[in-house]
């Protein structure tokens, strides 16, 4: 997995019970959310981890957005006046 991340590629883990997508771009997020509309979107996932550990839930589809560079910071800008 380390080599995959060095290439800056997305990672897909697909088992019989779960699908876990570590995506790298906003376009991928939109594409996968369209294909898997019930997927949980995470970026940290403390709440999901509690559901799994405390409630013994199986989260079938997860889209992890923590590796999307465009979402790691935000800038406040002035709105343009028309």
C-alpha atoms as a PDB file:
ATOM      1  CA  UNK A   1       0.000   0.000   0.000  1.00  0.00           C
ATOM      2  CA  UNK A   2       2.889   2.340   0.651  1.00  0.00           C
ATOM      3  CA  UNK A   3       4.018   2.062  -2.981  1.00  0.00           C
ATOM      4  CA  UNK A   4       0.507   2.814  -4.233  1.00  0.00           C
ATOM      5  CA  UNK A   5       0.323   5.963  -2.119  1.00  0.00           C
ATOM      6  CA  UNK A   6       3.734   7.077  -3.367  1.00  0.00           C
ATOM      7  CA  UNK A   7       2.254   7.078  -6.882  1.00  0.00           C
ATOM      8  CA  UNK A   8      -0.608   9.223  -5.595  1.00  0.00           C
ATOM      9  CA  UNK A   9      -3.221   6.744  -6.797  1.00  0.00           C
ATOM     10  CA  UNK A  10      -6.547   5.966  -5.224  1.00  0.00           C
ATOM     11  CA  UNK A  11      -6.905   2.756  -3.246  1.00  0.00           C
ATOM     12  CA  UNK A  12      -9.886   0.423  -3.500  1.00  0.00           C
ATOM     13  CA  UNK A  13     -10.427  -2.369  -1.004  1.00  0.00           C
ATOM     14  CA  UNK A  14     -13.297  -4.626  -2.018  1.00  0.00           C
ATOM     15  CA  UNK A  15     -14.244  -7.647   0.088  1.00  0.00           C
ATOM     16  CA  UNK A  16     -17.394  -9.755   0.205  1.00  0.00           C
ATOM     17  CA  UNK A  17     -18.828  -7.610   3.015  1.00  0.00           C
ATOM     18  CA  UNK A  18     -17.319  -4.175   2.515  1.00  0.00           C
ATOM     19  CA  UNK A  19     -16.028  -1.671  -0.016  1.00  0.00           C
ATOM     20  CA  UNK A  20     -13.534   0.981   1.102  1.00  0.00           C
ATOM     21  CA  UNK A  21     -12.402   3.689  -1.306  1.00  0.00           C
ATOM     22  CA  UNK A  22      -9.501   6.025  -0.508  1.00  0.00           C
ATOM     23  CA  UNK A  23      -9.911   8.620  -3.221  1.00  0.00           C
ATOM     24  CA  UNK A  24      -7.555  11.335  -4.397  1.00  0.00           C
ATOM     25  CA  UNK A  25      -9.701  13.768  -6.388  1.00  0.00           C
ATOM     26  CA  UNK A  26     -13.024  15.558  -6.120  1.00  0.00           C
ATOM     27  CA  UNK A  27     -14.057  14.091  -9.469  1.00  0.00           C
ATOM     28  CA  UNK A  28     -13.518  10.586  -8.079  1.00  0.00           C
ATOM     29  CA  UNK A  29     -15.610  11.416  -5.026  1.00  0.00           C
ATOM     30  CA  UNK A  30     -18.480  12.549  -7.244  1.00  0.00           C
ATOM     31  CA  UNK A  31     -18.173   9.479  -9.466  1.00  0.00           C
ATOM     32  CA  UNK A  32     -18.076   6.967  -6.602  1.00  0.00           C
ATOM     33  CA  UNK A  33     -20.877   8.674  -4.677  1.00  0.00           C
ATOM     34  CA  UNK A  34     -23.027   8.416  -7.805  1.00  0.00           C
ATOM     35  CA  UNK A  35     -22.262   4.702  -8.178  1.00  0.00           C
ATOM     36  CA  UNK A  36     -22.525   4.042  -4.415  1.00  0.00           C
ATOM     37  CA  UNK A  37     -25.147   6.550  -3.199  1.00  0.00           C
ATOM     38  CA  UNK A  38     -25.427   4.916   0.252  1.00  0.00           C
ATOM     39  CA  UNK A  39     -21.691   5.075   0.921  1.00  0.00           C
ATOM     40  CA  UNK A  40     -20.572   6.855   4.084  1.00  0.00           C
ATOM     41  CA  UNK A  41     -18.139   9.693   3.369  1.00  0.00           C
ATOM     42  CA  UNK A  42     -15.400   9.970   5.971  1.00  0.00           C
ATOM     43  CA  UNK A  43     -12.460  12.224   6.757  1.00  0.00           C
ATOM     44  CA  UNK A  44     -11.176  11.039  10.096  1.00  0.00           C
ATOM     45  CA  UNK A  45     -14.084   8.752  10.963  1.00  0.00           C
ATOM     46  CA  UNK A  46     -14.299   8.835  14.751  1.00  0.00           C
ATOM     47  CA  UNK A  47     -18.081   8.523  14.501  1.00  0.00           C
ATOM     48  CA  UNK A  48     -17.838   5.564  12.102  1.00  0.00           C
ATOM     49  CA  UNK A  49     -15.231   3.871  14.297  1.00  0.00           C
ATOM     50  CA  UNK A  50     -17.618   4.093  17.266  1.00  0.00           C
ATOM     51  CA  UNK A  51     -20.433   2.570  15.226  1.00  0.00           C
ATOM     52  CA  UNK A  52     -18.151  -0.340  14.332  1.00  0.00           C
ATOM     53  CA  UNK A  53     -16.572  -0.892  17.754  1.00  0.00           C
ATOM     54  CA  UNK A  54     -19.547  -0.152  20.026  1.00  0.00           C
ATOM     55  CA  UNK A  55     -22.523  -1.164  17.900  1.00  0.00           C
ATOM     56  CA  UNK A  56     -20.734  -3.926  15.937  1.00  0.00           C
ATOM     57  CA  UNK A  57     -22.041  -2.414  12.699  1.00  0.00           C
ATOM     58  CA  UNK A  58     -20.683  -3.449   9.333  1.00  0.00           C
ATOM     59  CA  UNK A  59     -20.354  -0.346   7.203  1.00  0.00           C
ATOM     60  CA  UNK A  60     -20.764  -1.751   3.702  1.00  0.00           C
ATOM     61  CA  UNK A  61     -19.460   1.177   1.652  1.00  0.00           C
ATOM     62  CA  UNK A  62     -17.024   3.872   2.743  1.00  0.00           C
ATOM     63  CA  UNK A  63     -15.576   6.724   0.716  1.00  0.00           C
ATOM     64  CA  UNK A  64     -12.504   8.146   2.456  1.00  0.00           C
ATOM     65  CA  UNK A  65     -11.777  11.724   1.342  1.00  0.00           C
ATOM     66  CA  UNK A  66      -8.845  12.365   3.694  1.00  0.00           C
ATOM     67  CA  UNK A  67      -6.304  12.170   0.850  1.00  0.00           C
ATOM     68  CA  UNK A  68      -7.938  14.735  -1.448  1.00  0.00           C
ATOM     69  CA  UNK A  69      -5.531  17.686  -1.535  1.00  0.00           C
ATOM     70  CA  UNK A  70      -8.189  20.238  -2.567  1.00  0.00           C
ATOM     71  CA  UNK A  71     -10.112  19.502   0.635  1.00  0.00           C
ATOM     72  CA  UNK A  72      -7.206  19.874   3.062  1.00  0.00           C
ATOM     73  CA  UNK A  73      -7.495  23.646   3.310  1.00  0.00           C
ATOM     74  CA  UNK A  74      -9.933  26.406   2.595  1.00  0.00           C
ATOM     75  CA  UNK A  75      -9.607  30.089   1.867  1.00  0.00           C
ATOM     76  CA  UNK A  76     -12.015  32.853   2.694  1.00  0.00           C
ATOM     77  CA  UNK A  77     -12.573  35.208  -0.204  1.00  0.00           C
ATOM     78  CA  UNK A  78     -14.724  38.228  -0.877  1.00  0.00           C
ATOM     79  CA  UNK A  79     -17.869  37.682  -2.894  1.00  0.00           C
ATOM     80  CA  UNK A  80     -17.946  39.516  -6.185  1.00  0.00           C
ATOM     81  CA  UNK A  81     -20.584  42.249  -6.468  1.00  0.00           C
ATOM     82  CA  UNK A  82     -22.699  42.224  -9.634  1.00  0.00           C
END
